[in-house]
């Protein structure tokens, strides 16, 4: 599992968009979004580069942290 900082997330729509994008990339992905800290913990079989690219495509550029 990797943690990503996603500064542009701020509401329930943002959460849904991030979760949808990850499930499009990897239907078995596990996504836990924390809007307060604007982070997401994502467990996916997809490479980190693909995860970041998919999030950016959805309008939520992300940076891996931790």
N, C-alpha and C. Protein backbone atom coordinates (compact mmCIF):
# COMPACT_ATOMS: atom_id res chain seq x y z
N UNK A 1 0.85 -1.17 0.00
CA UNK A 1 0.00 0.00 0.00
C UNK A 1 0.89 1.23 0.00
N UNK A 2 0.49 2.22 -0.79
CA UNK A 2 1.24 3.47 -0.86
C UNK A 2 0.32 4.63 -0.49
N UNK A 3 0.91 5.65 0.11
CA UNK A 3 0.15 6.84 0.47
C UNK A 3 0.51 7.95 -0.50
N UNK A 4 -0.53 8.63 -0.98
CA UNK A 4 -0.35 9.71 -1.94
C UNK A 4 -0.94 11.00 -1.39
N UNK A 5 -0.21 12.08 -1.53
CA UNK A 5 -0.72 13.41 -1.21
C UNK A 5 -1.45 13.90 -2.46
N UNK A 6 -2.72 14.31 -2.27
CA UNK A 6 -3.54 14.78 -3.39
C UNK A 6 -4.14 16.12 -2.96
N UNK A 7 -3.38 17.21 -3.12
CA UNK A 7 -3.78 18.51 -2.58
C UNK A 7 -5.11 19.05 -3.14
N UNK A 8 -5.50 18.64 -4.31
CA UNK A 8 -6.72 19.18 -4.93
C UNK A 8 -8.00 18.50 -4.45
N UNK A 9 -7.91 17.50 -3.59
CA UNK A 9 -9.11 16.83 -3.06
C UNK A 9 -9.69 17.66 -1.92
N UNK A 10 -11.02 17.87 -1.97
CA UNK A 10 -11.61 18.65 -0.88
C UNK A 10 -13.04 18.26 -0.53
N UNK A 11 -13.65 17.36 -1.30
CA UNK A 11 -15.07 17.06 -1.05
C UNK A 11 -15.40 15.61 -1.43
N UNK A 12 -16.64 15.26 -1.21
CA UNK A 12 -17.09 13.91 -1.53
C UNK A 12 -16.99 13.58 -3.01
N UNK A 13 -17.21 14.57 -3.86
CA UNK A 13 -17.07 14.33 -5.31
C UNK A 13 -15.62 13.97 -5.63
N UNK A 14 -14.69 14.68 -5.00
CA UNK A 14 -13.27 14.40 -5.21
C UNK A 14 -12.95 12.96 -4.80
N UNK A 15 -13.45 12.57 -3.63
CA UNK A 15 -13.24 11.21 -3.15
C UNK A 15 -13.74 10.20 -4.17
N UNK A 16 -14.96 10.41 -4.65
CA UNK A 16 -15.55 9.47 -5.61
C UNK A 16 -14.75 9.43 -6.91
N UNK A 17 -14.26 10.58 -7.36
CA UNK A 17 -13.49 10.62 -8.61
C UNK A 17 -12.18 9.85 -8.46
N UNK A 18 -11.52 10.00 -7.31
CA UNK A 18 -10.26 9.28 -7.07
C UNK A 18 -10.53 7.78 -6.99
N UNK A 19 -11.57 7.39 -6.25
CA UNK A 19 -11.89 5.97 -6.14
C UNK A 19 -12.26 5.37 -7.48
N UNK A 20 -13.04 6.09 -8.27
CA UNK A 20 -13.44 5.60 -9.60
C UNK A 20 -12.23 5.45 -10.51
N UNK A 21 -11.36 6.44 -10.50
CA UNK A 21 -10.16 6.39 -11.36
C UNK A 21 -9.31 5.17 -11.02
N UNK A 22 -9.14 4.90 -9.73
CA UNK A 22 -8.32 3.76 -9.33
C UNK A 22 -8.97 2.44 -9.70
N UNK A 23 -10.28 2.36 -9.59
CA UNK A 23 -10.96 1.11 -9.95
C UNK A 23 -10.99 0.90 -11.46
N UNK A 24 -10.94 1.99 -12.23
CA UNK A 24 -10.81 1.85 -13.69
C UNK A 24 -9.43 1.29 -14.04
N UNK A 25 -8.42 1.75 -13.32
CA UNK A 25 -7.05 1.28 -13.56
C UNK A 25 -6.87 -0.15 -13.09
N UNK A 26 -7.39 -0.44 -11.90
CA UNK A 26 -7.22 -1.77 -11.28
C UNK A 26 -8.49 -2.08 -10.49
N UNK A 27 -9.39 -2.89 -11.06
CA UNK A 27 -10.66 -3.18 -10.39
C UNK A 27 -10.52 -3.77 -8.99
N UNK A 28 -9.38 -4.35 -8.67
CA UNK A 28 -9.20 -4.94 -7.34
C UNK A 28 -8.46 -3.99 -6.39
N UNK A 29 -8.23 -2.76 -6.81
CA UNK A 29 -7.51 -1.79 -5.98
C UNK A 29 -8.28 -1.50 -4.70
N UNK A 30 -7.52 -1.26 -3.65
CA UNK A 30 -8.09 -0.82 -2.37
C UNK A 30 -7.73 0.65 -2.21
N UNK A 31 -8.76 1.48 -1.96
CA UNK A 31 -8.54 2.92 -1.87
C UNK A 31 -9.16 3.45 -0.58
N UNK A 32 -8.36 4.14 0.22
CA UNK A 32 -8.86 4.77 1.45
C UNK A 32 -8.49 6.25 1.38
N UNK A 33 -9.50 7.10 1.18
CA UNK A 33 -9.29 8.54 1.03
C UNK A 33 -9.51 9.23 2.37
N UNK A 34 -8.62 10.15 2.72
CA UNK A 34 -8.78 10.99 3.90
C UNK A 34 -8.82 12.44 3.43
N UNK A 35 -10.02 13.00 3.38
CA UNK A 35 -10.17 14.36 2.87
C UNK A 35 -9.51 15.39 3.78
N UNK A 36 -9.54 15.16 5.08
CA UNK A 36 -8.96 16.12 6.01
C UNK A 36 -7.47 16.33 5.75
N UNK A 37 -6.75 15.23 5.54
CA UNK A 37 -5.31 15.34 5.28
C UNK A 37 -5.00 15.39 3.79
N UNK A 38 -6.04 15.26 2.98
CA UNK A 38 -5.90 15.26 1.51
C UNK A 38 -4.89 14.21 1.04
N UNK A 39 -5.10 13.01 1.56
CA UNK A 39 -4.26 11.88 1.18
C UNK A 39 -5.13 10.69 0.81
N UNK A 40 -4.53 9.74 0.12
CA UNK A 40 -5.19 8.49 -0.20
C UNK A 40 -4.19 7.36 -0.04
N UNK A 41 -4.63 6.31 0.63
CA UNK A 41 -3.84 5.09 0.71
C UNK A 41 -4.37 4.16 -0.36
N UNK A 42 -3.50 3.75 -1.26
CA UNK A 42 -3.91 2.96 -2.41
C UNK A 42 -3.07 1.69 -2.49
N UNK A 43 -3.75 0.56 -2.52
CA UNK A 43 -3.10 -0.72 -2.74
C UNK A 43 -3.55 -1.20 -4.11
N UNK A 44 -2.61 -1.34 -5.01
CA UNK A 44 -2.94 -1.70 -6.38
C UNK A 44 -1.82 -2.54 -6.98
N UNK A 45 -2.21 -3.40 -7.89
CA UNK A 45 -1.22 -4.19 -8.63
C UNK A 45 -0.55 -3.34 -9.71
N UNK A 46 -1.14 -2.19 -10.01
CA UNK A 46 -0.59 -1.29 -11.03
C UNK A 46 0.66 -0.60 -10.48
N UNK A 47 1.62 -0.32 -11.33
CA UNK A 47 2.82 0.39 -10.89
C UNK A 47 2.48 1.80 -10.40
N UNK A 48 3.28 2.32 -9.49
CA UNK A 48 3.05 3.65 -8.92
C UNK A 48 2.94 4.72 -10.01
N UNK A 49 3.76 4.60 -11.04
CA UNK A 49 3.72 5.59 -12.14
C UNK A 49 2.34 5.58 -12.82
N UNK A 50 1.77 4.40 -13.01
CA UNK A 50 0.45 4.29 -13.62
C UNK A 50 -0.63 4.86 -12.71
N UNK A 51 -0.48 4.66 -11.40
CA UNK A 51 -1.43 5.21 -10.43
C UNK A 51 -1.40 6.73 -10.50
N UNK A 52 -0.21 7.32 -10.45
CA UNK A 52 -0.08 8.78 -10.51
C UNK A 52 -0.62 9.32 -11.83
N UNK A 53 -0.36 8.63 -12.94
CA UNK A 53 -0.85 9.08 -14.24
C UNK A 53 -2.37 9.04 -14.29
N UNK A 54 -2.97 8.01 -13.74
CA UNK A 54 -4.44 7.88 -13.76
C UNK A 54 -5.07 8.95 -12.88
N UNK A 55 -4.48 9.22 -11.73
CA UNK A 55 -5.00 10.28 -10.86
C UNK A 55 -4.90 11.64 -11.54
N UNK A 56 -3.78 11.90 -12.21
CA UNK A 56 -3.60 13.17 -12.92
C UNK A 56 -4.63 13.29 -14.04
N UNK A 57 -4.86 12.20 -14.74
CA UNK A 57 -5.85 12.18 -15.83
C UNK A 57 -7.24 12.52 -15.29
N UNK A 58 -7.52 12.09 -14.07
CA UNK A 58 -8.82 12.36 -13.44
C UNK A 58 -8.90 13.77 -12.86
N UNK A 59 -7.78 14.51 -12.91
CA UNK A 59 -7.77 15.88 -12.42
C UNK A 59 -7.23 16.03 -11.01
N UNK A 60 -6.57 14.98 -10.52
CA UNK A 60 -6.05 14.98 -9.15
C UNK A 60 -4.57 14.57 -9.13
N UNK A 61 -3.68 15.47 -9.54
CA UNK A 61 -2.25 15.14 -9.51
C UNK A 61 -1.85 14.73 -8.09
N UNK A 62 -1.03 13.70 -8.01
CA UNK A 62 -0.67 13.14 -6.70
C UNK A 62 0.84 12.95 -6.60
N UNK A 63 1.30 12.95 -5.36
CA UNK A 63 2.71 12.70 -5.07
C UNK A 63 2.77 11.62 -4.01
N UNK A 64 3.59 10.61 -4.24
CA UNK A 64 3.76 9.53 -3.24
C UNK A 64 4.48 10.13 -2.02
N UNK A 65 3.98 9.76 -0.84
CA UNK A 65 4.61 10.21 0.40
C UNK A 65 4.85 9.01 1.30
N UNK A 66 5.73 9.17 2.24
CA UNK A 66 6.00 8.10 3.21
C UNK A 66 6.72 7.01 2.65
